[in-house]
Amino acid sequence: MKSLTVDNHRVQETLVSKKSNVKSIFDKLKDSGAKSIRTIPMGTGNKSSQVIAWTFLTKEEQKEWRDSRWI
């Protein structure tokens, strides 16, 4: 059985309420070796936040992950 590490998780995400924090989070993720980082804007009324999603897997590793788990 595999341990729960970033190596066997396909995507991770976090909710960021302050837009001013997004750039520093992006920079930390890049420095940590994230292969893909995306921001998903969210908001209702005059409140806004962002979901930052990232993966440490390459496209090929993502395909292998998907193929080994999906029927």
PDB file of N, CA and C in Angstrom:
ATOM      1  N   MET A   1       0.837  -1.173   0.000  1.00  0.00           N
ATOM      2  CA  MET A   1       0.000   0.000   0.000  1.00  0.00           C
ATOM      3  C   MET A   1       0.887   1.243   0.000  1.00  0.00           C
ATOM      4  N   LYS A   2       0.516   2.238  -0.830  1.00  0.00           N
ATOM      5  CA  LYS A   2       1.300   3.460  -0.922  1.00  0.00           C
ATOM      6  C   LYS A   2       0.986   4.388   0.246  1.00  0.00           C
ATOM      7  N   SER A   3       1.999   5.131   0.664  1.00  0.00           N
ATOM      8  CA  SER A   3       1.758   6.128   1.705  1.00  0.00           C
ATOM      9  C   SER A   3       1.126   7.366   1.077  1.00  0.00           C
ATOM     10  N   LEU A   4       0.488   8.172   1.900  1.00  0.00           N
ATOM     11  CA  LEU A   4      -0.161   9.380   1.400  1.00  0.00           C
ATOM     12  C   LEU A   4       0.855  10.508   1.353  1.00  0.00           C
ATOM     13  N   THR A   5       1.500  10.648   0.205  1.00  0.00           N
ATOM     14  CA  THR A   5       2.472  11.709  -0.002  1.00  0.00           C
ATOM     15  C   THR A   5       2.080  12.479  -1.244  1.00  0.00           C
ATOM     16  N   VAL A   6       2.774  13.590  -1.511  1.00  0.00           N
ATOM     17  CA  VAL A   6       2.464  14.369  -2.706  1.00  0.00           C
ATOM     18  C   VAL A   6       2.716  13.565  -3.971  1.00  0.00           C
ATOM     19  N   ASP A   7       3.546  12.535  -3.898  1.00  0.00           N
ATOM     20  CA  ASP A   7       3.856  11.746  -5.081  1.00  0.00           C
ATOM     21  C   ASP A   7       2.665  10.943  -5.593  1.00  0.00           C
ATOM     22  N   ASN A   8       1.727  10.593  -4.718  1.00  0.00           N
ATOM     23  CA  ASN A   8       0.613   9.795  -5.206  1.00  0.00           C
ATOM     24  C   ASN A   8      -0.734  10.516  -5.098  1.00  0.00           C
ATOM     25  N   HIS A   9      -0.690  11.821  -4.976  1.00  0.00           N
ATOM     26  CA  HIS A   9      -1.894  12.643  -5.060  1.00  0.00           C
ATOM     27  C   HIS A   9      -1.884  13.355  -6.405  1.00  0.00           C
ATOM     28  N   ARG A  10      -2.981  13.308  -7.087  1.00  0.00           N
ATOM     29  CA  ARG A  10      -3.010  13.913  -8.412  1.00  0.00           C
ATOM     30  C   ARG A  10      -3.071  15.434  -8.332  1.00  0.00           C
ATOM     31  N   VAL A  11      -4.008  15.970  -7.562  1.00  0.00           N
ATOM     32  CA  VAL A  11      -4.176  17.424  -7.466  1.00  0.00           C
ATOM     33  C   VAL A  11      -4.426  17.796  -6.012  1.00  0.00           C
ATOM     34  N   GLN A  12      -3.852  18.916  -5.615  1.00  0.00           N
ATOM     35  CA  GLN A  12      -4.125  19.481  -4.301  1.00  0.00           C
ATOM     36  C   GLN A  12      -4.651  20.888  -4.506  1.00  0.00           C
ATOM     37  N   GLU A  13      -5.389  21.392  -3.546  1.00  0.00           N
ATOM     38  CA  GLU A  13      -5.913  22.738  -3.688  1.00  0.00           C
ATOM     39  C   GLU A  13      -6.043  23.404  -2.331  1.00  0.00           C
ATOM     40  N   THR A  14      -6.123  24.737  -2.394  1.00  0.00           N
ATOM     41  CA  THR A  14      -6.335  25.523  -1.188  1.00  0.00           C
ATOM     42  C   THR A  14      -7.166  26.743  -1.541  1.00  0.00           C
ATOM     43  N   LEU A  15      -7.951  27.205  -0.595  1.00  0.00           N
ATOM     44  CA  LEU A  15      -8.773  28.396  -0.765  1.00  0.00           C
ATOM     45  C   LEU A  15      -8.004  29.588  -0.216  1.00  0.00           C
ATOM     46  N   VAL A  16      -7.889  30.650  -1.024  1.00  0.00           N
ATOM     47  CA  VAL A  16      -7.160  31.850  -0.625  1.00  0.00           C
ATOM     48  C   VAL A  16      -8.132  33.020  -0.644  1.00  0.00           C
ATOM     49  N   SER A  17      -8.312  33.666   0.495  1.00  0.00           N
ATOM     50  CA  SER A  17      -9.274  34.764   0.550  1.00  0.00           C
ATOM     51  C   SER A  17      -8.639  36.109   0.204  1.00  0.00           C
ATOM     52  N   LYS A  18      -7.357  36.281   0.483  1.00  0.00           N
ATOM     53  CA  LYS A  18      -6.701  37.553   0.171  1.00  0.00           C
ATOM     54  C   LYS A  18      -5.934  37.432  -1.142  1.00  0.00           C
ATOM     55  N   LYS A  19      -6.357  38.219  -2.128  1.00  0.00           N
ATOM     56  CA  LYS A  19      -5.717  38.169  -3.443  1.00  0.00           C
ATOM     57  C   LYS A  19      -4.223  38.499  -3.354  1.00  0.00           C
ATOM     58  N   SER A  20      -3.844  39.317  -2.397  1.00  0.00           N
ATOM     59  CA  SER A  20      -2.435  39.696  -2.255  1.00  0.00           C
ATOM     60  C   SER A  20      -1.546  38.509  -1.878  1.00  0.00           C
ATOM     61  N   ASN A  21      -2.126  37.417  -1.408  1.00  0.00           N
ATOM     62  CA  ASN A  21      -1.341  36.227  -1.046  1.00  0.00           C
ATOM     63  C   ASN A  21      -1.102  35.280  -2.220  1.00  0.00           C
ATOM     64  N   VAL A  22      -1.830  35.462  -3.312  1.00  0.00           N
ATOM     65  CA  VAL A  22      -1.764  34.516  -4.430  1.00  0.00           C
ATOM     66  C   VAL A  22      -0.362  34.436  -5.021  1.00  0.00           C
ATOM     67  N   LYS A  23       0.278  35.575  -5.278  1.00  0.00           N
ATOM     68  CA  LYS A  23       1.602  35.566  -5.911  1.00  0.00           C
ATOM     69  C   LYS A  23       2.633  34.828  -5.056  1.00  0.00           C
ATOM     70  N   SER A  24       2.634  35.079  -3.754  1.00  0.00           N
ATOM     71  CA  SER A  24       3.629  34.405  -2.903  1.00  0.00           C
ATOM     72  C   SER A  24       3.371  32.898  -2.842  1.00  0.00           C
ATOM     73  N   ILE A  25       2.103  32.495  -2.856  1.00  0.00           N
ATOM     74  CA  ILE A  25       1.784  31.064  -2.874  1.00  0.00           C
ATOM     75  C   ILE A  25       2.256  30.448  -4.185  1.00  0.00           C
ATOM     76  N   PHE A  26       1.996  31.140  -5.319  1.00  0.00           N
ATOM     77  CA  PHE A  26       2.474  30.662  -6.617  1.00  0.00           C
ATOM     78  C   PHE A  26       3.988  30.477  -6.591  1.00  0.00           C
ATOM     79  N   ASP A  27       4.696  31.487  -6.093  1.00  0.00           N
ATOM     80  CA  ASP A  27       6.158  31.421  -6.055  1.00  0.00           C
ATOM     81  C   ASP A  27       6.651  30.245  -5.213  1.00  0.00           C
ATOM     82  N   LYS A  28       6.034  30.020  -4.059  1.00  0.00           N
ATOM     83  CA  LYS A  28       6.424  28.896  -3.198  1.00  0.00           C
ATOM     84  C   LYS A  28       6.163  27.557  -3.885  1.00  0.00           C
ATOM     85  N   LEU A  29       5.025  27.458  -4.575  1.00  0.00           N
ATOM     86  CA  LEU A  29       4.706  26.209  -5.276  1.00  0.00           C
ATOM     87  C   LEU A  29       5.697  25.942  -6.408  1.00  0.00           C
ATOM     88  N   LYS A  30       6.055  26.994  -7.169  1.00  0.00           N
ATOM     89  CA  LYS A  30       7.046  26.831  -8.240  1.00  0.00           C
ATOM     90  C   LYS A  30       8.377  26.373  -7.659  1.00  0.00           C
ATOM     91  N   ASP A  31       8.796  27.020  -6.561  1.00  0.00           N
ATOM     92  CA  ASP A  31      10.060  26.649  -5.910  1.00  0.00           C
ATOM     93  C   ASP A  31      10.025  25.218  -5.379  1.00  0.00           C
ATOM     94  N   SER A  32       8.837  24.734  -5.036  1.00  0.00           N
ATOM     95  CA  SER A  32       8.674  23.375  -4.501  1.00  0.00           C
ATOM     96  C   SER A  32       8.608  22.314  -5.584  1.00  0.00           C
ATOM     97  N   GLY A  33       8.567  22.740  -6.856  1.00  0.00           N
ATOM     98  CA  GLY A  33       8.564  21.786  -7.952  1.00  0.00           C
ATOM     99  C   GLY A  33       7.203  21.430  -8.517  1.00  0.00           C
ATOM    100  N   ALA A  34       6.185  22.246  -8.251  1.00  0.00           N
ATOM    101  CA  ALA A  34       4.859  21.984  -8.820  1.00  0.00           C
ATOM    102  C   ALA A  34       4.937  22.062 -10.343  1.00  0.00           C
ATOM    103  N   LYS A  35       4.341  21.082 -11.024  1.00  0.00           N
ATOM    104  CA  LYS A  35       4.397  21.012 -12.486  1.00  0.00           C
ATOM    105  C   LYS A  35       3.325  21.875 -13.140  1.00  0.00           C
ATOM    106  N   SER A  36       2.188  22.039 -12.472  1.00  0.00           N
ATOM    107  CA  SER A  36       1.091  22.839 -13.006  1.00  0.00           C
ATOM    108  C   SER A  36       0.387  23.523 -11.845  1.00  0.00           C
ATOM    109  N   ILE A  37       0.118  24.831 -12.006  1.00  0.00           N
ATOM    110  CA  ILE A  37      -0.556  25.611 -10.972  1.00  0.00           C
ATOM    111  C   ILE A  37      -1.667  26.403 -11.651  1.00  0.00           C
ATOM    112  N   ARG A  38      -2.864  26.345 -11.095  1.00  0.00           N
ATOM    113  CA  ARG A  38      -4.008  27.062 -11.663  1.00  0.00           C
ATOM    114  C   ARG A  38      -4.726  27.847 -10.575  1.00  0.00           C
ATOM    115  N   THR A  39      -5.298  28.991 -10.967  1.00  0.00           N
ATOM    116  CA  THR A  39      -6.136  29.773 -10.071  1.00  0.00           C
ATOM    117  C   THR A  39      -7.558  29.756 -10.590  1.00  0.00           C
ATOM    118  N   ILE A  40      -8.498  29.504  -9.701  1.00  0.00           N
ATOM    119  CA  ILE A  40      -9.914  29.498 -10.051  1.00  0.00           C
ATOM    120  C   ILE A  40     -10.573  30.602  -9.233  1.00  0.00           C
ATOM    121  N   PRO A  41     -10.991  31.707  -9.895  1.00  0.00           N
ATOM    122  CA  PRO A  41     -11.632  32.788  -9.146  1.00  0.00           C
ATOM    123  C   PRO A  41     -13.034  32.393  -8.691  1.00  0.00           C
ATOM    124  N   MET A  42     -13.390  32.835  -7.497  1.00  0.00           N
ATOM    125  CA  MET A  42     -14.721  32.576  -6.956  1.00  0.00           C
ATOM    126  C   MET A  42     -15.222  33.869  -6.323  1.00  0.00           C
ATOM    127  N   GLY A  43     -16.512  34.020  -6.263  1.00  0.00           N
ATOM    128  CA  GLY A  43     -17.029  35.193  -5.588  1.00  0.00           C
ATOM    129  C   GLY A  43     -18.538  35.249  -5.601  1.00  0.00           C
ATOM    130  N   THR A  44     -19.065  35.892  -4.584  1.00  0.00           N
ATOM    131  CA  THR A  44     -20.490  36.171  -4.515  1.00  0.00           C
ATOM    132  C   THR A  44     -20.648  37.581  -3.980  1.00  0.00           C
ATOM    133  N   GLY A  45     -21.459  38.370  -4.656  1.00  0.00           N
ATOM    134  CA  GLY A  45     -21.632  39.756  -4.227  1.00  0.00           C
ATOM    135  C   GLY A  45     -20.319  40.502  -4.274  1.00  0.00           C
ATOM    136  N   ASN A  46     -19.966  41.155  -3.180  1.00  0.00           N
ATOM    137  CA  ASN A  46     -18.702  41.902  -3.158  1.00  0.00           C
ATOM    138  C   ASN A  46     -17.591  41.139  -2.431  1.00  0.00           C
ATOM    139  N   LYS A  47     -17.785  39.864  -2.197  1.00  0.00           N
ATOM    140  CA  LYS A  47     -16.764  39.001  -1.584  1.00  0.00           C
ATOM    141  C   LYS A  47     -16.109  38.155  -2.670  1.00  0.00           C
ATOM    142  N   SER A  48     -14.801  38.091  -2.663  1.00  0.00           N
ATOM    143  CA  SER A  48     -14.120  37.261  -3.664  1.00  0.00           C
ATOM    144  C   SER A  48     -13.014  36.449  -2.997  1.00  0.00           C
ATOM    145  N   SER A  49     -12.717  35.338  -3.598  1.00  0.00           N
ATOM    146  CA  SER A  49     -11.622  34.481  -3.151  1.00  0.00           C
ATOM    147  C   SER A  49     -11.149  33.682  -4.354  1.00  0.00           C
ATOM    148  N   GLN A  50     -10.069  32.963  -4.182  1.00  0.00           N
ATOM    149  CA  GLN A  50      -9.498  32.160  -5.251  1.00  0.00           C
ATOM    150  C   GLN A  50      -9.182  30.776  -4.713  1.00  0.00           C
ATOM    151  N   VAL A  51      -9.369  29.792  -5.567  1.00  0.00           N
ATOM    152  CA  VAL A  51      -8.891  28.449  -5.265  1.00  0.00           C
ATOM    153  C   VAL A  51      -7.621  28.266  -6.077  1.00  0.00           C
ATOM    154  N   ILE A  52      -6.555  27.878  -5.430  1.00  0.00           N
ATOM    155  CA  ILE A  52      -5.317  27.562  -6.134  1.00  0.00           C
ATOM    156  C   ILE A  52      -5.194  26.044  -6.145  1.00  0.00           C
ATOM    157  N   ALA A  53      -5.067  25.489  -7.335  1.00  0.00           N
ATOM    158  CA  ALA A  53      -4.921  24.036  -7.498  1.00  0.00           C
ATOM    159  C   ALA A  53      -3.567  23.765  -8.136  1.00  0.00           C
ATOM    160  N   TRP A  54      -2.897  22.706  -7.687  1.00  0.00           N
ATOM    161  CA  TRP A  54      -1.588  22.380  -8.238  1.00  0.00           C
ATOM    162  C   TRP A  54      -1.355  20.884  -8.207  1.00  0.00           C
ATOM    163  N   THR A  55      -0.373  20.477  -9.008  1.00  0.00           N
ATOM    164  CA  THR A  55       0.044  19.080  -9.023  1.00  0.00           C
ATOM    165  C   THR A  55       1.559  19.020  -9.149  1.00  0.00           C
ATOM    166  N   PHE A  56       2.122  17.991  -8.567  1.00  0.00           N
ATOM    167  CA  PHE A  56       3.552  17.732  -8.703  1.00  0.00           C
ATOM    168  C   PHE A  56       3.805  16.660  -9.761  1.00  0.00           C
ATOM    169  N   LEU A  57       2.748  16.197 -10.402  1.00  0.00           N
ATOM    170  CA  LEU A  57       2.867  15.145 -11.408  1.00  0.00           C
ATOM    171  C   LEU A  57       2.962  15.742 -12.806  1.00  0.00           C
ATOM    172  N   THR A  58       3.799  15.144 -13.653  1.00  0.00           N
ATOM    173  CA  THR A  58       3.858  15.535 -15.056  1.00  0.00           C
ATOM    174  C   THR A  58       2.606  15.016 -15.761  1.00  0.00           C
ATOM    175  N   LYS A  59       2.394  15.438 -16.995  1.00  0.00           N
ATOM    176  CA  LYS A  59       1.240  14.955 -17.769  1.00  0.00           C
ATOM    177  C   LYS A  59       1.263  13.429 -17.888  1.00  0.00           C
ATOM    178  N   GLU A  60       2.431  12.866 -18.123  1.00  0.00           N
ATOM    179  CA  GLU A  60       2.554  11.406 -18.244  1.00  0.00           C
ATOM    180  C   GLU A  60       2.245  10.720 -16.911  1.00  0.00           C
ATOM    181  N   GLU A  61       2.756  11.269 -15.825  1.00  0.00           N
ATOM    182  CA  GLU A  61       2.463  10.695 -14.506  1.00  0.00           C
ATOM    183  C   GLU A  61       0.974  10.798 -14.169  1.00  0.00           C
ATOM    184  N   GLN A  62       0.343  11.903 -14.586  1.00  0.00           N
ATOM    185  CA  GLN A  62      -1.104  12.047 -14.377  1.00  0.00           C
ATOM    186  C   GLN A  62      -1.863  10.979 -15.147  1.00  0.00           C
ATOM    187  N   LYS A  63      -1.414  10.695 -16.377  1.00  0.00           N
ATOM    188  CA  LYS A  63      -2.068   9.663 -17.188  1.00  0.00           C
ATOM    189  C   LYS A  63      -1.906   8.293 -16.527  1.00  0.00           C
ATOM    190  N   GLU A  64      -0.700   7.990 -16.053  1.00  0.00           N
ATOM    191  CA  GLU A  64      -0.465   6.716 -15.361  1.00  0.00           C
ATOM    192  C   GLU A  64      -1.322   6.618 -14.099  1.00  0.00           C
ATOM    193  N   TRP A  65      -1.406   7.711 -13.347  1.00  0.00           N
ATOM    194  CA  TRP A  65      -2.229   7.741 -12.130  1.00  0.00           C
ATOM    195  C   TRP A  65      -3.682   7.444 -12.471  1.00  0.00           C
ATOM    196  N   ARG A  66      -4.193   8.134 -13.489  1.00  0.00           N
ATOM    197  CA  ARG A  66      -5.588   7.955 -13.913  1.00  0.00           C
ATOM    198  C   ARG A  66      -5.827   6.534 -14.404  1.00  0.00           C
ATOM    199  N   ASP A  67      -4.938   6.027 -15.246  1.00  0.00           N
ATOM    200  CA  ASP A  67      -5.111   4.683 -15.811  1.00  0.00           C
ATOM    201  C   ASP A  67      -5.052   3.590 -14.739  1.00  0.00           C
ATOM    202  N   SER A  68      -4.295   3.808 -13.686  1.00  0.00           N
ATOM    203  CA  SER A  68      -4.180   2.785 -12.644  1.00  0.00           C
ATOM    204  C   SER A  68      -5.351   2.803 -11.658  1.00  0.00           C
ATOM    205  N   ARG A  69      -6.165   3.870 -11.691  1.00  0.00           N
ATOM    206  CA  ARG A  69      -7.249   3.982 -10.721  1.00  0.00           C
ATOM    207  C   ARG A  69      -8.640   3.969 -11.336  1.00  0.00           C
ATOM    208  N   TRP A  70      -8.762   4.378 -12.566  1.00  0.00           N
ATOM    209  CA  TRP A  70     -10.075   4.438 -13.217  1.00  0.00           C
ATOM    210  C   TRP A  70     -10.300   3.184 -14.040  1.00  0.00           C
ATOM    211  N   ILE A  71     -11.500   2.724 -14.031  1.00  0.00           N
ATOM    212  CA  ILE A  71     -11.827   1.518 -14.806  1.00  0.00           C
ATOM    213  C   ILE A  71     -12.322   1.934 -16.169  1.00  0.00           C
TER     214      ILE A  71
END
